[in-house]
């Protein structure tokens, strides 16, 4: 269903809004960040900004709450991650609780583990720094030479696997890491998938611009999956456990001399088998016609029921992906598009929060944050 609703407008930033996060503990509370180096706090019941944090002179690239204690928020800017306690500050003064500066290149995304033990920071050099929050020190560096060969754009911890993170990059790779050992468990190369499919759905390469994983309380009604926002306009839903199982199966077989061609064929067969277990939402399903910049699971209503995607085609799409699970389909995703919102600008980031209305918050290439009411 296509629609062109009029959004509410949240004003507070002086430059392009880059990202946003929604509180789980306090429905309706949203933090947004921008290139002005500030974080603005909004209550969906109010029209005006509640408070503004001045983080620094550089653009804020990512935000995340500390799970279990959302009074603490982590903010990345440049090569640095800072934390703040929202109870101890005001517009006049915000004191930094902690500061981590382990990344050598600009940070693109940060994430905090479900038990708030570790913080991950993915950067332009392709590295991912894992910080031990309690010990206040670097725990591990996930190096580009074993994972990404280009910019690492996104990172998330897997809440059901306490020692694993998943990352995406502009090398078209999705990498599943055991960060306790500092090495990948599985690498999915969407660039190879495009070649095997015989072409791309649009001219852009399948860069991974963003990823999302369900929160632990969503797993009762969903698979253990990762949603991938791709540069070629597709949104993929990957079954993490199926991928890891196939990786272990492939890793248990040692190739013999002269078996290189058979090994390549086996790799292709495994890729093809895995592709059948993935939900692929592209233009033929009513999807995006340009790069997808962000994805998120819905926090309103039945949590995790919808996947929300935003793209450079100035569209926001709401996917009822649980219908795919309920039907146990292996193909055919044309009827999963629940809502198609014509947004006036390219989408940078989005999040959702419940309230008096089901709120969909969108950061685009302007300084004004938009809020849609989703039925």
Protein backbone atom coordinates (compact mmCIF):
# COMPACT_ATOMS: atom_id res chain seq x y z
CA UNK A 1 0.00 0.00 0.00
CA UNK A 2 1.50 3.34 -1.07
CA UNK A 3 0.85 6.43 0.98
CA UNK A 4 2.06 10.00 1.24
CA UNK A 5 1.29 10.96 4.86
CA UNK A 6 2.22 14.30 6.35
CA UNK A 7 4.81 13.75 9.07
CA UNK A 8 5.29 15.64 12.29
CA UNK A 9 8.50 17.65 12.37
CA UNK A 10 11.03 17.68 15.20
CA UNK A 11 13.32 20.70 15.22
CA UNK A 12 16.47 21.08 17.27
CA UNK A 13 19.48 20.38 15.07
CA UNK A 14 21.46 22.94 13.10
CA UNK A 15 22.79 20.51 10.48
CA UNK A 16 21.87 17.24 8.75
CA UNK A 17 20.43 14.59 11.11
CA UNK A 18 22.57 11.45 10.93
CA UNK A 19 20.99 8.85 13.24
CA UNK A 20 18.42 8.16 15.95
CA UNK A 21 17.67 5.64 18.70
CA UNK A 22 14.53 4.90 20.70
CA UNK A 23 14.37 4.00 24.36
CA UNK A 24 13.04 0.56 25.25
CA UNK A 25 12.53 1.37 28.93
CA UNK A 26 10.74 4.67 28.26
CA UNK A 27 8.39 4.39 25.28
CA UNK A 28 8.18 7.61 23.30
CA UNK A 29 11.66 8.83 24.25
CA UNK A 30 13.95 9.30 21.24
CA UNK A 31 17.49 10.63 20.84
CA UNK A 32 18.66 12.03 17.50
CA UNK A 33 22.15 13.07 16.39
CA UNK A 34 23.50 15.25 13.63
CA UNK A 35 26.47 16.73 11.83
CA UNK A 36 26.29 19.69 14.25
CA UNK A 37 27.93 17.52 16.91
CA UNK A 38 24.81 17.51 19.07
CA UNK A 39 22.34 14.95 20.43
CA UNK A 40 18.73 16.09 20.80
CA UNK A 41 16.21 14.42 23.10
CA UNK A 42 12.53 14.27 22.18
CA UNK A 43 9.39 13.02 23.89
CA UNK A 44 6.83 11.95 21.28
CA UNK A 45 4.10 13.55 23.42
CA UNK A 46 5.71 16.97 23.00
CA UNK A 47 6.49 19.13 20.01
CA UNK A 48 9.65 20.76 21.32
CA UNK A 49 13.09 19.33 22.01
CA UNK A 50 13.51 18.30 25.68
CA UNK A 51 17.25 18.81 25.87
CA UNK A 52 20.35 19.12 23.72
CA UNK A 53 23.78 17.58 24.39
CA UNK A 54 26.79 19.23 22.80
CA UNK A 55 29.15 16.30 22.18
CA UNK A 56 31.87 18.06 20.18
CA UNK A 57 32.74 19.80 16.95
CA UNK A 58 32.66 16.71 14.72
CA UNK A 59 29.53 15.03 13.37
CA UNK A 60 27.92 12.40 15.57
CA UNK A 61 27.87 9.16 13.59
CA UNK A 62 26.18 6.69 15.94
CA UNK A 63 24.29 6.32 19.22
CA UNK A 64 23.41 3.45 21.52
CA UNK A 65 21.99 3.00 25.00
CA UNK A 66 23.59 0.85 27.67
CA UNK A 67 21.25 -2.19 27.94
CA UNK A 68 19.70 -2.45 31.39
CA UNK A 69 20.57 1.16 32.21
CA UNK A 70 19.36 3.56 29.57
CA UNK A 71 20.42 6.52 31.68
CA UNK A 72 23.80 5.93 30.03
CA UNK A 73 24.16 6.67 26.34
CA UNK A 74 27.21 6.08 24.13
CA UNK A 75 28.01 8.53 21.34
CA UNK A 76 30.58 8.17 18.55
CA UNK A 77 32.17 11.18 16.91
CA UNK A 78 35.25 11.02 14.73
CA UNK A 79 37.55 8.33 16.15
CA UNK A 80 36.18 8.62 19.69
CA UNK A 81 33.36 7.10 21.73
CA UNK A 82 32.01 9.04 24.72
CA UNK A 83 29.44 8.05 27.31
CA UNK A 84 27.08 10.32 29.22
CA UNK A 85 24.67 9.88 32.12
CA UNK A 86 21.51 11.71 31.14
CA UNK A 87 20.63 12.25 34.82
CA UNK A 88 23.78 14.27 35.45
CA UNK A 89 23.53 16.82 32.69
CA UNK A 90 21.52 19.68 31.29
CA UNK A 91 21.72 22.03 28.38
CA UNK A 92 24.28 24.03 30.33
CA UNK A 93 26.70 21.21 31.13
CA UNK A 94 27.22 17.59 30.11
CA UNK A 95 30.05 15.67 31.75
CA UNK A 96 31.69 12.79 29.93
CA UNK A 97 31.60 9.59 32.00
CA UNK A 98 33.96 7.57 29.82
CA UNK A 99 35.94 8.19 26.68
CA UNK A 100 37.40 5.51 24.39
CA UNK A 101 39.70 6.39 21.50
CA UNK A 102 41.01 3.09 20.17
CA UNK A 103 39.93 3.37 16.52
CA UNK A 104 42.47 4.71 14.02
CA UNK A 105 39.83 5.74 11.49
CA UNK A 106 36.43 7.42 11.72
CA UNK A 107 33.81 5.34 13.51
CA UNK A 108 30.67 4.47 11.55
CA UNK A 109 28.62 2.58 14.13
CA UNK A 110 28.79 1.52 17.76
CA UNK A 111 26.86 -1.19 19.59
CA UNK A 112 26.67 -2.44 23.17
CA UNK A 113 26.33 -6.11 24.15
CA UNK A 114 23.08 -7.25 25.76
CA UNK A 115 24.69 -7.54 29.23
CA UNK A 116 26.52 -4.22 28.80
CA UNK A 117 29.91 -5.92 29.14
CA UNK A 118 31.36 -4.93 25.76
CA UNK A 119 31.17 -2.08 23.29
CA UNK A 120 31.94 -2.52 19.58
CA UNK A 121 33.06 0.27 17.25
CA UNK A 122 33.31 -0.27 13.46
CA UNK A 123 35.44 2.14 11.45
CA UNK A 124 36.47 3.31 7.99
CA UNK A 125 39.62 1.18 8.06
CA UNK A 126 37.56 -2.01 8.22
CA UNK A 127 38.52 -2.71 11.84
CA UNK A 128 36.16 -3.40 14.72
CA UNK A 129 37.34 -2.50 18.21
CA UNK A 130 35.83 -4.49 21.07
CA UNK A 131 36.06 -2.56 24.35
CA UNK A 132 35.69 -4.17 27.78
CA UNK A 133 33.42 -1.61 29.44
CA UNK A 134 33.91 -2.82 33.01
CA UNK A 135 37.69 -3.03 32.76
CA UNK A 136 37.87 0.22 30.76
CA UNK A 137 40.29 -1.21 28.21
CA UNK A 138 40.51 -2.63 24.72
CA UNK A 139 39.56 -6.30 24.68
CA UNK A 140 40.11 -7.31 21.07
CA UNK A 141 40.62 -5.85 17.61
CA UNK A 142 38.86 -7.63 14.76
CA UNK A 143 41.27 -6.92 11.94
CA UNK A 144 40.43 -6.01 8.38
CA UNK A 145 42.88 -8.60 7.04
CA UNK A 146 40.75 -11.48 8.34
CA UNK A 147 37.33 -9.92 7.70
CA UNK A 148 36.58 -6.74 5.81
CA UNK A 149 38.75 -5.38 3.03
CA UNK A 150 37.02 -2.00 2.93
CA UNK A 151 35.01 0.32 5.18
CA UNK A 152 33.13 -1.47 7.97
CA UNK A 153 29.80 0.34 8.01
CA UNK A 154 27.85 -1.52 10.67
CA UNK A 155 28.13 -3.76 13.72
CA UNK A 156 25.72 -5.55 16.05
CA UNK A 157 26.12 -8.03 18.88
CA UNK A 158 24.10 -11.25 18.66
CA UNK A 159 22.06 -11.29 21.90
CA UNK A 160 21.66 -15.08 21.86
CA UNK A 161 25.40 -15.65 21.29
CA UNK A 162 27.25 -13.68 23.99
CA UNK A 163 30.71 -13.92 22.36
CA UNK A 164 29.72 -13.10 18.81
CA UNK A 165 29.22 -9.97 16.74
CA UNK A 166 28.12 -9.50 13.16
CA UNK A 167 29.43 -6.78 10.87
CA UNK A 168 28.74 -5.43 7.39
CA UNK A 169 30.97 -3.50 5.05
CA UNK A 170 31.43 -1.72 1.75
CA UNK A 171 33.25 -4.79 0.48
CA UNK A 172 29.77 -6.38 0.18
CA UNK A 173 30.59 -8.78 3.03
CA UNK A 174 28.61 -9.82 6.08
CA UNK A 175 31.00 -11.26 8.67
CA UNK A 176 30.05 -13.30 11.73
CA UNK A 177 32.81 -13.07 14.35
CA UNK A 178 33.78 -14.92 17.51
CA UNK A 179 35.28 -11.87 19.16
CA UNK A 180 36.72 -13.87 22.06
CA UNK A 181 39.05 -15.54 19.52
CA UNK A 182 39.27 -12.57 17.18
CA UNK A 183 38.39 -14.48 14.03
CA UNK A 184 35.39 -14.92 11.72
CA UNK A 185 33.06 -17.90 11.99
CA UNK A 186 31.44 -17.19 8.63
CA UNK A 187 31.74 -14.67 5.79
CA UNK A 188 28.92 -14.05 3.32
CA UNK A 189 29.99 -12.18 0.19
CA UNK A 190 26.98 -10.60 -1.49
CA UNK A 191 29.21 -9.57 -4.40
CA UNK A 192 29.75 -13.25 -5.23
CA UNK A 193 26.04 -13.88 -4.81
CA UNK A 194 25.31 -11.30 -7.48
CA UNK A 195 27.70 -13.02 -9.88
CA UNK A 196 26.13 -16.39 -9.17
CA UNK A 197 22.68 -14.93 -9.72
CA UNK A 198 23.75 -13.77 -13.15
CA UNK A 199 23.47 -10.05 -12.45
CA UNK A 200 22.46 -7.30 -10.08
CA UNK A 201 19.05 -5.80 -9.54
CA UNK A 202 20.44 -2.30 -10.11
CA UNK A 203 23.75 -0.80 -11.11
CA UNK A 204 25.00 -0.26 -7.56
CA UNK A 205 27.13 -2.98 -5.93
CA UNK A 206 25.69 -4.95 -3.01
CA UNK A 207 27.51 -2.98 -0.31
CA UNK A 208 26.24 -3.63 3.21
CA UNK A 209 25.13 -0.22 4.49
CA UNK A 210 23.35 -1.33 7.67
CA UNK A 211 22.30 -4.41 9.62
CA UNK A 212 19.73 -5.13 12.33
CA UNK A 213 19.20 -8.09 14.65
CA UNK A 214 16.14 -8.81 16.80
CA UNK A 215 16.27 -8.08 20.51
CA UNK A 216 16.20 -11.06 22.84
CA UNK A 217 12.50 -10.67 23.70
CA UNK A 218 11.57 -10.84 20.00
CA UNK A 219 13.04 -14.31 19.46
CA UNK A 220 9.93 -16.20 20.62
CA UNK A 221 8.11 -15.07 17.50
CA UNK A 222 10.97 -14.78 15.04
CA UNK A 223 13.97 -16.73 13.85
CA UNK A 224 17.49 -15.80 14.91
CA UNK A 225 18.12 -13.59 11.93
CA UNK A 226 20.04 -10.60 10.66
CA UNK A 227 18.49 -8.03 8.33
CA UNK A 228 20.83 -6.53 5.75
CA UNK A 229 20.43 -3.20 3.93
CA UNK A 230 22.19 -3.57 0.59
CA UNK A 231 23.57 -1.03 -1.83
CA UNK A 232 21.80 -2.64 -4.78
CA UNK A 233 18.39 -1.86 -3.29
CA UNK A 234 17.69 -5.26 -1.74
CA UNK A 235 16.86 -6.13 1.86
CA UNK A 236 17.97 -9.61 2.89
CA UNK A 237 16.84 -11.51 5.98
CA UNK A 238 19.57 -14.02 6.86
CA UNK A 239 19.03 -17.01 9.15
CA UNK A 240 22.15 -16.77 11.32
CA UNK A 241 21.99 -20.27 12.79
CA UNK A 242 21.54 -21.91 9.37
CA UNK A 243 24.52 -19.96 8.02
CA UNK A 244 26.75 -20.91 10.95
CA UNK A 245 25.71 -24.57 10.68
CA UNK A 246 26.62 -24.64 6.99
CA UNK A 247 29.93 -22.94 7.79
CA UNK A 248 30.82 -25.61 10.33
CA UNK A 249 29.83 -28.33 7.86
CA UNK A 250 31.99 -26.81 5.15
CA UNK A 251 34.89 -26.28 7.54
CA UNK A 252 34.86 -29.92 8.63
CA UNK A 253 35.80 -31.11 5.13
CA UNK A 254 39.50 -30.89 4.21
CA UNK A 255 40.15 -30.62 0.46
CA UNK A 256 42.54 -33.12 -1.11
CA UNK A 257 45.10 -32.37 -3.81
CA UNK A 258 43.51 -31.86 -7.19
CA UNK A 259 40.11 -31.14 -5.66
CA UNK A 260 40.15 -27.37 -6.13
CA UNK A 261 37.46 -27.35 -8.82
CA UNK A 262 35.25 -29.68 -6.80
CA UNK A 263 35.75 -27.43 -3.77
CA UNK A 264 34.59 -24.39 -5.75
CA UNK A 265 31.52 -26.28 -6.92
CA UNK A 266 30.77 -27.31 -3.34
CA UNK A 267 31.04 -23.68 -2.25
CA UNK A 268 28.56 -22.66 -4.92
CA UNK A 269 26.18 -25.42 -3.93
CA UNK A 270 26.30 -24.29 -0.30
CA UNK A 271 25.70 -20.70 -1.36
CA UNK A 272 22.74 -21.74 -3.48
CA UNK A 273 21.31 -23.82 -0.64
CA UNK A 274 21.70 -20.96 1.81
CA UNK A 275 20.11 -18.52 -0.61
CA UNK A 276 16.96 -20.62 -0.61
CA UNK A 277 16.84 -20.20 3.17
CA UNK A 278 17.04 -16.41 2.92
CA UNK A 279 14.25 -13.91 2.47
CA UNK A 280 15.22 -11.58 -0.36
CA UNK A 281 13.16 -8.38 -0.69
CA UNK A 282 14.01 -6.51 -3.88
CA UNK A 283 12.20 -4.40 -6.46
CA UNK A 284 10.23 -7.43 -7.67
CA UNK A 285 8.72 -7.65 -4.15
CA UNK A 286 7.81 -3.97 -4.16
CA UNK A 287 11.18 -3.02 -2.68
CA UNK A 288 13.68 -0.23 -3.17
CA UNK A 289 15.03 0.94 -6.51
CA UNK A 290 18.19 2.50 -5.06
CA UNK A 291 20.60 1.75 -2.21
CA UNK A 292 19.00 0.83 1.12
CA UNK A 293 20.61 2.97 3.82
CA UNK A 294 19.05 1.59 7.01
CA UNK A 295 16.91 -1.19 8.47
CA UNK A 296 15.25 -1.73 11.84
CA UNK A 297 12.84 -4.03 13.65
CA UNK A 298 9.65 -2.37 14.86
CA UNK A 299 9.35 -1.68 18.59
CA UNK A 300 5.65 -0.83 18.53
CA UNK A 301 2.69 -3.23 18.70
CA UNK A 302 3.87 -6.82 18.39
CA UNK A 303 7.58 -6.12 18.78
CA UNK A 304 9.63 -7.28 15.84
CA UNK A 305 6.65 -7.99 13.61
CA UNK A 306 7.71 -5.43 11.03
CA UNK A 307 11.01 -4.72 9.34
CA UNK A 308 11.39 -1.06 8.39
CA UNK A 309 13.75 -0.03 5.59
CA UNK A 310 14.73 3.37 4.23
CA UNK A 311 16.65 4.16 1.08
CA UNK A 312 18.22 6.61 -1.32
CA UNK A 313 15.08 6.33 -3.45
CA UNK A 314 13.38 8.56 -0.83
CA UNK A 315 11.11 5.71 0.24
CA UNK A 316 10.41 4.11 3.61
CA UNK A 317 8.98 0.60 3.47
CA UNK A 318 7.30 -1.39 6.22
CA UNK A 319 7.55 -5.15 5.69
CA UNK A 320 5.29 -7.63 7.50
CA UNK A 321 7.99 -10.28 7.40
CA UNK A 322 6.35 -12.52 10.06
CA UNK A 323 3.82 -13.55 7.39
CA UNK A 324 6.75 -15.21 5.64
CA UNK A 325 7.59 -17.14 8.81
CA UNK A 326 3.96 -18.10 9.47
CA UNK A 327 3.53 -19.45 5.95
CA UNK A 328 6.90 -21.23 6.07
CA UNK A 329 7.49 -20.06 2.52
CA UNK A 330 10.69 -20.71 0.61
CA UNK A 331 9.97 -18.27 -2.18
CA UNK A 332 7.55 -15.56 -3.14
CA UNK A 333 7.74 -12.37 -1.09
CA UNK A 334 5.53 -10.07 -3.13
CA UNK A 335 2.77 -9.80 -0.53
CA UNK A 336 4.93 -8.83 2.46
CA UNK A 337 5.01 -5.08 1.82
CA UNK A 338 2.68 -3.60 4.43
CA UNK A 339 3.24 0.10 3.84
CA UNK A 340 5.16 2.26 1.37
CA UNK A 341 5.84 5.84 2.48
CA UNK A 342 6.91 8.43 -0.07
CA UNK A 343 9.48 10.47 1.82
CA UNK A 344 10.73 13.71 0.26
CA UNK A 345 14.45 13.16 0.98
CA UNK A 346 17.05 10.38 1.03
CA UNK A 347 16.88 8.49 4.31
CA UNK A 348 19.92 8.44 6.60
CA UNK A 349 18.50 6.48 9.53
CA UNK A 350 15.25 5.49 11.24
CA UNK A 351 13.85 3.98 14.41
CA UNK A 352 10.45 3.23 15.90
CA UNK A 353 8.85 3.81 19.27
CA UNK A 354 5.38 3.18 20.73
CA UNK A 355 3.32 5.95 22.27
CA UNK A 356 -0.15 7.38 21.85
CA UNK A 357 0.56 6.55 18.20
CA UNK A 358 2.91 4.04 16.56
CA UNK A 359 5.81 6.34 15.77
CA UNK A 360 8.29 5.91 12.93
CA UNK A 361 11.15 8.40 13.28
CA UNK A 362 13.17 9.27 10.17
CA UNK A 363 16.46 11.16 9.84
CA UNK A 364 17.11 12.36 6.30
CA UNK A 365 19.46 14.78 4.54
CA UNK A 366 17.93 17.79 6.30
CA UNK A 367 18.23 19.06 9.87
CA UNK A 368 14.54 18.41 10.60
CA UNK A 369 13.60 14.95 11.92
CA UNK A 370 10.28 13.55 10.67
CA UNK A 371 7.82 11.34 12.56
CA UNK A 372 5.18 9.23 10.84
CA UNK A 373 2.22 7.52 12.47
CA UNK A 374 2.10 3.91 11.28
CA UNK A 375 -1.13 1.98 11.54
